[in-house]
Amino acid sequence: MATTKQVRAAKRNIKKAQAGAEKKRSIAHMPAATRSALGKQGAAVAQRKRTGAAAPRTRRELYEEAKRRNVPGRSKMGRDELARALGHE
């Protein structure tokens, strides 16, 4: 059995978690333009993967290659910047 203090702490944690979940901005709560842009970006990545391009194309893949090559400032770069820094474009 849990003590009264533990029960109170658990209830408090649940309330905090629920409040945090309500504040979370999910895709459904984003503006239509943002949702559309995210969808187009995802579709472009999927298309590149389907075509079987040998070169890494997602930001994560480019970041991993930049990490191996020790490219400075890589953590703050976007996908296009990483591709340019690595000479993929």
PDB file of N, CA and C in Angstrom:
ATOM      1  N   MET A   1       0.831  -1.180   0.000  1.00  0.00           N
ATOM      2  CA  MET A   1       0.000   0.000   0.000  1.00  0.00           C
ATOM      3  C   MET A   1       0.878   1.247   0.000  1.00  0.00           C
ATOM      4  N   ALA A   2       0.422   2.219  -0.743  1.00  0.00           N
ATOM      5  CA  ALA A   2       1.141   3.492  -0.803  1.00  0.00           C
ATOM      6  C   ALA A   2       0.708   4.367   0.361  1.00  0.00           C
ATOM      7  N   THR A   3       1.627   5.174   0.814  1.00  0.00           N
ATOM      8  CA  THR A   3       1.300   6.086   1.909  1.00  0.00           C
ATOM      9  C   THR A   3       0.471   7.242   1.365  1.00  0.00           C
ATOM     10  N   THR A   4      -0.142   7.988   2.246  1.00  0.00           N
ATOM     11  CA  THR A   4      -0.954   9.141   1.851  1.00  0.00           C
ATOM     12  C   THR A   4      -0.100  10.158   1.103  1.00  0.00           C
ATOM     13  N   LYS A   5       1.115  10.343   1.577  1.00  0.00           N
ATOM     14  CA  LYS A   5       2.023  11.289   0.930  1.00  0.00           C
ATOM     15  C   LYS A   5       2.351  10.842  -0.496  1.00  0.00           C
ATOM     16  N   GLN A   6       2.559   9.535  -0.691  1.00  0.00           N
ATOM     17  CA  GLN A   6       2.858   9.016  -2.021  1.00  0.00           C
ATOM     18  C   GLN A   6       1.658   9.160  -2.960  1.00  0.00           C
ATOM     19  N   VAL A   7       0.463   8.919  -2.423  1.00  0.00           N
ATOM     20  CA  VAL A   7      -0.751   9.047  -3.232  1.00  0.00           C
ATOM     21  C   VAL A   7      -0.922  10.490  -3.688  1.00  0.00           C
ATOM     22  N   ARG A   8      -0.722  11.437  -2.764  1.00  0.00           N
ATOM     23  CA  ARG A   8      -0.830  12.855  -3.113  1.00  0.00           C
ATOM     24  C   ARG A   8       0.196  13.243  -4.174  1.00  0.00           C
ATOM     25  N   ALA A   9       1.416  12.746  -4.020  1.00  0.00           N
ATOM     26  CA  ALA A   9       2.463  13.054  -4.994  1.00  0.00           C
ATOM     27  C   ALA A   9       2.114  12.480  -6.364  1.00  0.00           C
ATOM     28  N   ALA A  10       1.580  11.274  -6.392  1.00  0.00           N
ATOM     29  CA  ALA A  10       1.198  10.644  -7.658  1.00  0.00           C
ATOM     30  C   ALA A  10       0.082  11.427  -8.337  1.00  0.00           C
ATOM     31  N   LYS A  11      -0.915  11.852  -7.567  1.00  0.00           N
ATOM     32  CA  LYS A  11      -2.018  12.636  -8.139  1.00  0.00           C
ATOM     33  C   LYS A  11      -1.508  13.967  -8.679  1.00  0.00           C
ATOM     34  N   ARG A  12      -0.585  14.587  -7.946  1.00  0.00           N
ATOM     35  CA  ARG A  12      -0.012  15.856  -8.385  1.00  0.00           C
ATOM     36  C   ARG A  12       0.755  15.660  -9.695  1.00  0.00           C
ATOM     37  N   ASN A  13       1.497  14.570  -9.792  1.00  0.00           N
ATOM     38  CA  ASN A  13       2.247  14.282 -11.019  1.00  0.00           C
ATOM     39  C   ASN A  13       1.318  14.043 -12.202  1.00  0.00           C
ATOM     40  N   ILE A  14       0.212  13.370 -11.951  1.00  0.00           N
ATOM     41  CA  ILE A  14      -0.758  13.121 -13.021  1.00  0.00           C
ATOM     42  C   ILE A  14      -1.337  14.433 -13.524  1.00  0.00           C
ATOM     43  N   LYS A  15      -1.689  15.324 -12.591  1.00  0.00           N
ATOM     44  CA  LYS A  15      -2.243  16.625 -12.984  1.00  0.00           C
ATOM     45  C   LYS A  15      -1.233  17.419 -13.801  1.00  0.00           C
ATOM     46  N   LYS A  16       0.036  17.382 -13.395  1.00  0.00           N
ATOM     47  CA  LYS A  16       1.070  18.089 -14.137  1.00  0.00           C
ATOM     48  C   LYS A  16       1.223  17.515 -15.547  1.00  0.00           C
ATOM     49  N   ALA A  17       1.179  16.199 -15.650  1.00  0.00           N
ATOM     50  CA  ALA A  17       1.322  15.551 -16.954  1.00  0.00           C
ATOM     51  C   ALA A  17       0.140  15.907 -17.858  1.00  0.00           C
ATOM     52  N   GLN A  18      -1.070  15.935 -17.291  1.00  0.00           N
ATOM     53  CA  GLN A  18      -2.245  16.286 -18.085  1.00  0.00           C
ATOM     54  C   GLN A  18      -2.172  17.736 -18.564  1.00  0.00           C
ATOM     55  N   ALA A  19      -1.725  18.627 -17.680  1.00  0.00           N
ATOM     56  CA  ALA A  19      -1.604  20.038 -18.058  1.00  0.00           C
ATOM     57  C   ALA A  19      -0.568  20.205 -19.165  1.00  0.00           C
ATOM     58  N   GLY A  20       0.530  19.484 -19.057  1.00  0.00           N
ATOM     59  CA  GLY A  20       1.564  19.551 -20.086  1.00  0.00           C
ATOM     60  C   GLY A  20       1.066  19.029 -21.420  1.00  0.00           C
ATOM     61  N   ALA A  21       0.276  17.957 -21.388  1.00  0.00           N
ATOM     62  CA  ALA A  21      -0.268  17.377 -22.623  1.00  0.00           C
ATOM     63  C   ALA A  21      -1.254  18.340 -23.288  1.00  0.00           C
ATOM     64  N   GLU A  22      -2.016  19.073 -22.491  1.00  0.00           N
ATOM     65  CA  GLU A  22      -2.971  20.024 -23.046  1.00  0.00           C
ATOM     66  C   GLU A  22      -2.260  21.198 -23.716  1.00  0.00           C
ATOM     67  N   LYS A  23      -1.112  21.603 -23.189  1.00  0.00           N
ATOM     68  CA  LYS A  23      -0.370  22.734 -23.751  1.00  0.00           C
ATOM     69  C   LYS A  23       0.432  22.354 -24.979  1.00  0.00           C
ATOM     70  N   LYS A  24       0.694  21.057 -25.148  1.00  0.00           N
ATOM     71  CA  LYS A  24       1.558  20.604 -26.240  1.00  0.00           C
ATOM     72  C   LYS A  24       0.969  21.006 -27.587  1.00  0.00           C
ATOM     73  N   ARG A  25       1.833  21.537 -28.443  1.00  0.00           N
ATOM     74  CA  ARG A  25       1.389  21.921 -29.785  1.00  0.00           C
ATOM     75  C   ARG A  25       1.619  20.742 -30.718  1.00  0.00           C
ATOM     76  N   SER A  26       0.593  20.071 -31.076  1.00  0.00           N
ATOM     77  CA  SER A  26       0.733  18.962 -32.018  1.00  0.00           C
ATOM     78  C   SER A  26       0.443  19.488 -33.419  1.00  0.00           C
ATOM     79  N   ILE A  27       0.601  18.657 -34.398  1.00  0.00           N
ATOM     80  CA  ILE A  27       0.362  19.065 -35.780  1.00  0.00           C
ATOM     81  C   ILE A  27      -1.071  19.543 -35.962  1.00  0.00           C
ATOM     82  N   ALA A  28      -2.003  18.936 -35.265  1.00  0.00           N
ATOM     83  CA  ALA A  28      -3.401  19.312 -35.407  1.00  0.00           C
ATOM     84  C   ALA A  28      -3.666  20.751 -34.984  1.00  0.00           C
ATOM     85  N   HIS A  29      -2.850  21.283 -34.082  1.00  0.00           N
ATOM     86  CA  HIS A  29      -3.062  22.642 -33.594  1.00  0.00           C
ATOM     87  C   HIS A  29      -2.238  23.682 -34.339  1.00  0.00           C
ATOM     88  N   MET A  30      -1.462  23.272 -35.329  1.00  0.00           N
ATOM     89  CA  MET A  30      -0.638  24.212 -36.081  1.00  0.00           C
ATOM     90  C   MET A  30      -1.461  24.883 -37.165  1.00  0.00           C
ATOM     91  N   PRO A  31      -1.008  26.044 -37.639  1.00  0.00           N
ATOM     92  CA  PRO A  31      -1.716  26.709 -38.738  1.00  0.00           C
ATOM     93  C   PRO A  31      -1.729  25.838 -39.997  1.00  0.00           C
ATOM     94  N   ALA A  32      -2.719  26.054 -40.835  1.00  0.00           N
ATOM     95  CA  ALA A  32      -2.874  25.236 -42.045  1.00  0.00           C
ATOM     96  C   ALA A  32      -1.641  25.319 -42.945  1.00  0.00           C
ATOM     97  N   ALA A  33      -1.048  26.493 -43.049  1.00  0.00           N
ATOM     98  CA  ALA A  33       0.128  26.654 -43.907  1.00  0.00           C
ATOM     99  C   ALA A  33       1.294  25.806 -43.398  1.00  0.00           C
ATOM    100  N   THR A  34       1.469  25.757 -42.094  1.00  0.00           N
ATOM    101  CA  THR A  34       2.546  24.963 -41.503  1.00  0.00           C
ATOM    102  C   THR A  34       2.297  23.479 -41.730  1.00  0.00           C
ATOM    103  N   ARG A  35       1.043  23.048 -41.511  1.00  0.00           N
ATOM    104  CA  ARG A  35       0.713  21.638 -41.741  1.00  0.00           C
ATOM    105  C   ARG A  35       0.968  21.254 -43.184  1.00  0.00           C
ATOM    106  N   SER A  36       0.584  22.129 -44.099  1.00  0.00           N
ATOM    107  CA  SER A  36       0.775  21.860 -45.523  1.00  0.00           C
ATOM    108  C   SER A  36       2.255  21.761 -45.861  1.00  0.00           C
ATOM    109  N   ALA A  37       3.054  22.689 -45.324  1.00  0.00           N
ATOM    110  CA  ALA A  37       4.493  22.679 -45.595  1.00  0.00           C
ATOM    111  C   ALA A  37       5.137  21.412 -45.048  1.00  0.00           C
ATOM    112  N   LEU A  38       4.737  21.003 -43.843  1.00  0.00           N
ATOM    113  CA  LEU A  38       5.285  19.783 -43.263  1.00  0.00           C
ATOM    114  C   LEU A  38       4.918  18.564 -44.098  1.00  0.00           C
ATOM    115  N   GLY A  39       3.688  18.543 -44.601  1.00  0.00           N
ATOM    116  CA  GLY A  39       3.251  17.432 -45.443  1.00  0.00           C
ATOM    117  C   GLY A  39       4.044  17.359 -46.734  1.00  0.00           C
ATOM    118  N   LYS A  40       4.271  18.530 -47.349  1.00  0.00           N
ATOM    119  CA  LYS A  40       5.042  18.559 -48.598  1.00  0.00           C
ATOM    120  C   LYS A  40       6.486  18.128 -48.363  1.00  0.00           C
ATOM    121  N   GLN A  41       7.047  18.559 -47.245  1.00  0.00           N
ATOM    122  CA  GLN A  41       8.420  18.188 -46.915  1.00  0.00           C
ATOM    123  C   GLN A  41       8.519  16.678 -46.706  1.00  0.00           C
ATOM    124  N   GLY A  42       7.565  16.117 -45.985  1.00  0.00           N
ATOM    125  CA  GLY A  42       7.561  14.676 -45.755  1.00  0.00           C
ATOM    126  C   GLY A  42       7.393  13.899 -47.045  1.00  0.00           C
ATOM    127  N   ALA A  43       6.541  14.395 -47.935  1.00  0.00           N
ATOM    128  CA  ALA A  43       6.325  13.732 -49.216  1.00  0.00           C
ATOM    129  C   ALA A  43       7.593  13.769 -50.063  1.00  0.00           C
ATOM    130  N   ALA A  44       8.320  14.881 -50.008  1.00  0.00           N
ATOM    131  CA  ALA A  44       9.559  14.994 -50.777  1.00  0.00           C
ATOM    132  C   ALA A  44      10.607  14.005 -50.279  1.00  0.00           C
ATOM    133  N   VAL A  45      10.707  13.860 -48.962  1.00  0.00           N
ATOM    134  CA  VAL A  45      11.658  12.899 -48.394  1.00  0.00           C
ATOM    135  C   VAL A  45      11.275  11.480 -48.807  1.00  0.00           C
ATOM    136  N   ALA A  46       9.977  11.182 -48.731  1.00  0.00           N
ATOM    137  CA  ALA A  46       9.516   9.847 -49.115  1.00  0.00           C
ATOM    138  C   ALA A  46       9.807   9.583 -50.589  1.00  0.00           C
ATOM    139  N   GLN A  47       9.606  10.578 -51.433  1.00  0.00           N
ATOM    140  CA  GLN A  47       9.881  10.430 -52.864  1.00  0.00           C
ATOM    141  C   GLN A  47      11.363  10.148 -53.104  1.00  0.00           C
ATOM    142  N   ARG A  48      12.242  10.885 -52.410  1.00  0.00           N
ATOM    143  CA  ARG A  48      13.678  10.659 -52.571  1.00  0.00           C
ATOM    144  C   ARG A  48      14.062   9.257 -52.128  1.00  0.00           C
ATOM    145  N   LYS A  49      13.438   8.780 -51.058  1.00  0.00           N
ATOM    146  CA  LYS A  49      13.744   7.435 -50.579  1.00  0.00           C
ATOM    147  C   LYS A  49      13.246   6.379 -51.558  1.00  0.00           C
ATOM    148  N   ARG A  50      12.057   6.620 -52.165  1.00  0.00           N
ATOM    149  CA  ARG A  50      11.493   5.653 -53.110  1.00  0.00           C
ATOM    150  C   ARG A  50      12.336   5.528 -54.359  1.00  0.00           C
ATOM    151  N   THR A  51      12.945   6.630 -54.794  1.00  0.00           N
ATOM    152  CA  THR A  51      13.731   6.590 -56.027  1.00  0.00           C
ATOM    153  C   THR A  51      15.051   5.875 -55.824  1.00  0.00           C
ATOM    154  N   GLY A  52      15.398   5.603 -54.565  1.00  0.00           N
ATOM    155  CA  GLY A  52      16.599   4.837 -54.275  1.00  0.00           C
ATOM    156  C   GLY A  52      17.882   5.614 -54.496  1.00  0.00           C
ATOM    157  N   ALA A  53      17.859   6.890 -54.201  1.00  0.00           N
ATOM    158  CA  ALA A  53      19.065   7.702 -54.359  1.00  0.00           C
ATOM    159  C   ALA A  53      20.163   7.158 -53.449  1.00  0.00           C
ATOM    160  N   ALA A  54      21.352   7.038 -53.997  1.00  0.00           N
ATOM    161  CA  ALA A  54      22.461   6.476 -53.223  1.00  0.00           C
ATOM    162  C   ALA A  54      22.976   7.464 -52.181  1.00  0.00           C
ATOM    163  N   ALA A  55      22.884   8.754 -52.486  1.00  0.00           N
ATOM    164  CA  ALA A  55      23.383   9.779 -51.563  1.00  0.00           C
ATOM    165  C   ALA A  55      22.396   9.957 -50.411  1.00  0.00           C
ATOM    166  N   PRO A  56      22.880  10.218 -49.212  1.00  0.00           N
ATOM    167  CA  PRO A  56      21.970  10.467 -48.085  1.00  0.00           C
ATOM    168  C   PRO A  56      21.163  11.733 -48.334  1.00  0.00           C
ATOM    169  N   ARG A  57      19.896  11.707 -48.022  1.00  0.00           N
ATOM    170  CA  ARG A  57      19.041  12.837 -48.342  1.00  0.00           C
ATOM    171  C   ARG A  57      18.330  13.453 -47.146  1.00  0.00           C
ATOM    172  N   THR A  58      18.041  12.721 -46.116  1.00  0.00           N
ATOM    173  CA  THR A  58      17.335  13.323 -44.983  1.00  0.00           C
ATOM    174  C   THR A  58      18.329  14.119 -44.149  1.00  0.00           C
ATOM    175  N   ARG A  59      17.823  15.057 -43.353  1.00  0.00           N
ATOM    176  CA  ARG A  59      18.702  15.870 -42.518  1.00  0.00           C
ATOM    177  C   ARG A  59      19.482  14.990 -41.559  1.00  0.00           C
ATOM    178  N   ARG A  60      18.814  13.993 -41.014  1.00  0.00           N
ATOM    179  CA  ARG A  60      19.477  13.095 -40.069  1.00  0.00           C
ATOM    180  C   ARG A  60      20.653  12.372 -40.731  1.00  0.00           C
ATOM    181  N   GLU A  61      20.433  11.880 -41.946  1.00  0.00           N
ATOM    182  CA  GLU A  61      21.509  11.185 -42.658  1.00  0.00           C
ATOM    183  C   GLU A  61      22.655  12.136 -42.979  1.00  0.00           C
ATOM    184  N   LEU A  62      22.306  13.357 -43.424  1.00  0.00           N
ATOM    185  CA  LEU A  62      23.342  14.341 -43.722  1.00  0.00           C
ATOM    186  C   LEU A  62      24.098  14.733 -42.463  1.00  0.00           C
ATOM    187  N   TYR A  63      23.364  14.865 -41.354  1.00  0.00           N
ATOM    188  CA  TYR A  63      24.003  15.231 -40.087  1.00  0.00           C
ATOM    189  C   TYR A  63      24.991  14.152 -39.650  1.00  0.00           C
ATOM    190  N   GLU A  64      24.600  12.885 -39.789  1.00  0.00           N
ATOM    191  CA  GLU A  64      25.493  11.787 -39.411  1.00  0.00           C
ATOM    192  C   GLU A  64      26.767  11.808 -40.256  1.00  0.00           C
ATOM    193  N   GLU A  65      26.627  12.087 -41.550  1.00  0.00           N
ATOM    194  CA  GLU A  65      27.813  12.167 -42.399  1.00  0.00           C
ATOM    195  C   GLU A  65      28.677  13.359 -42.000  1.00  0.00           C
ATOM    196  N   ALA A  66      28.047  14.495 -41.694  1.00  0.00           N
ATOM    197  CA  ALA A  66      28.790  15.685 -41.268  1.00  0.00           C
ATOM    198  C   ALA A  66      29.519  15.419 -39.956  1.00  0.00           C
ATOM    199  N   LYS A  67      28.902  14.639 -39.097  1.00  0.00           N
ATOM    200  CA  LYS A  67      29.529  14.280 -37.825  1.00  0.00           C
ATOM    201  C   LYS A  67      30.788  13.446 -38.072  1.00  0.00           C
ATOM    202  N   ARG A  68      30.675  12.496 -38.991  1.00  0.00           N
ATOM    203  CA  ARG A  68      31.843  11.668 -39.324  1.00  0.00           C
ATOM    204  C   ARG A  68      32.969  12.517 -39.912  1.00  0.00           C
ATOM    205  N   ARG A  69      32.603  13.548 -40.682  1.00  0.00           N
ATOM    206  CA  ARG A  69      33.606  14.405 -41.315  1.00  0.00           C
ATOM    207  C   ARG A  69      34.023  15.585 -40.440  1.00  0.00           C
ATOM    208  N   ASN A  70      33.433  15.707 -39.254  1.00  0.00           N
ATOM    209  CA  ASN A  70      33.742  16.805 -38.326  1.00  0.00           C
ATOM    210  C   ASN A  70      33.500  18.180 -38.941  1.00  0.00           C
ATOM    211  N   VAL A  71      32.339  18.368 -39.566  1.00  0.00           N
ATOM    212  CA  VAL A  71      31.976  19.663 -40.141  1.00  0.00           C
ATOM    213  C   VAL A  71      31.619  20.611 -38.997  1.00  0.00           C
ATOM    214  N   PRO A  72      32.276  21.762 -38.903  1.00  0.00           N
ATOM    215  CA  PRO A  72      31.971  22.694 -37.813  1.00  0.00           C
ATOM    216  C   PRO A  72      30.603  23.352 -38.006  1.00  0.00           C
ATOM    217  N   GLY A  73      29.871  23.541 -36.909  1.00  0.00           N
ATOM    218  CA  GLY A  73      28.567  24.192 -36.948  1.00  0.00           C
ATOM    219  C   GLY A  73      27.438  23.328 -37.461  1.00  0.00           C
ATOM    220  N   ARG A  74      27.667  22.043 -37.568  1.00  0.00           N
ATOM    221  CA  ARG A  74      26.671  21.141 -38.160  1.00  0.00           C
ATOM    222  C   ARG A  74      25.366  21.069 -37.376  1.00  0.00           C
ATOM    223  N   SER A  75      25.430  21.235 -36.058  1.00  0.00           N
ATOM    224  CA  SER A  75      24.213  21.087 -35.251  1.00  0.00           C
ATOM    225  C   SER A  75      23.211  22.200 -35.509  1.00  0.00           C
ATOM    226  N   LYS A  76      23.691  23.342 -35.998  1.00  0.00           N
ATOM    227  CA  LYS A  76      22.792  24.469 -36.250  1.00  0.00           C
ATOM    228  C   LYS A  76      22.369  24.563 -37.707  1.00  0.00           C
ATOM    229  N   MET A  77      22.848  23.655 -38.543  1.00  0.00           N
ATOM    230  CA  MET A  77      22.541  23.694 -39.979  1.00  0.00           C
ATOM    231  C   MET A  77      21.264  22.940 -40.293  1.00  0.00           C
ATOM    232  N   GLY A  78      20.580  23.428 -41.308  1.00  0.00           N
ATOM    233  CA  GLY A  78      19.412  22.734 -41.832  1.00  0.00           C
ATOM    234  C   GLY A  78      19.844  21.717 -42.872  1.00  0.00           C
ATOM    235  N   ARG A  79      18.870  21.052 -43.488  1.00  0.00           N
ATOM    236  CA  ARG A  79      19.178  20.020 -44.473  1.00  0.00           C
ATOM    237  C   ARG A  79      19.939  20.591 -45.665  1.00  0.00           C
ATOM    238  N   ASP A  80      19.461  21.711 -46.212  1.00  0.00           N
ATOM    239  CA  ASP A  80      20.111  22.292 -47.385  1.00  0.00           C
ATOM    240  C   ASP A  80      21.534  22.755 -47.069  1.00  0.00           C
ATOM    241  N   GLU A  81      21.700  23.365 -45.917  1.00  0.00           N
ATOM    242  CA  GLU A  81      23.041  23.829 -45.519  1.00  0.00           C
ATOM    243  C   GLU A  81      24.008  22.652 -45.349  1.00  0.00           C
ATOM    244  N   LEU A  82      23.513  21.576 -44.736  1.00  0.00           N
ATOM    245  CA  LEU A  82      24.359  20.386 -44.555  1.00  0.00           C
ATOM    246  C   LEU A  82      24.749  19.797 -45.919  1.00  0.00           C
ATOM    247  N   ALA A  83      23.785  19.743 -46.828  1.00  0.00           N
ATOM    248  CA  ALA A  83      24.067  19.198 -48.151  1.00  0.00           C
ATOM    249  C   ALA A  83      25.114  20.033 -48.867  1.00  0.00           C
ATOM    250  N   ARG A  84      25.013  21.372 -48.766  1.00  0.00           N
ATOM    251  CA  ARG A  84      26.006  22.246 -49.390  1.00  0.00           C
ATOM    252  C   ARG A  84      27.380  22.062 -48.749  1.00  0.00           C
ATOM    253  N   ALA A  85      27.407  21.995 -47.408  1.00  0.00           N
ATOM    254  CA  ALA A  85      28.685  21.835 -46.696  1.00  0.00           C
ATOM    255  C   ALA A  85      29.371  20.521 -47.055  1.00  0.00           C
ATOM    256  N   LEU A  86      28.572  19.510 -47.354  1.00  0.00           N
ATOM    257  CA  LEU A  86      29.131  18.198 -47.687  1.00  0.00           C
ATOM    258  C   LEU A  86      29.367  18.029 -49.187  1.00  0.00           C
ATOM    259  N   GLY A  87      28.906  19.006 -49.989  1.00  0.00           N
ATOM    260  CA  GLY A  87      29.102  18.943 -51.437  1.00  0.00           C
ATOM    261  C   GLY A  87      28.136  18.016 -52.137  1.00  0.00           C
ATOM    262  N   HIS A  88      26.923  17.854 -51.603  1.00  0.00           N
ATOM    263  CA  HIS A  88      25.939  16.972 -52.230  1.00  0.00           C
ATOM    264  C   HIS A  88      25.070  17.684 -53.249  1.00  0.00           C
ATOM    265  N   GLU A  89      25.163  18.998 -53.357  1.00  0.00           N
ATOM    266  CA  GLU A  89      24.292  19.705 -54.304  1.00  0.00           C
ATOM    267  C   GLU A  89      25.078  20.450 -55.324  1.00  0.00           C
TER     268      GLU A  89
END
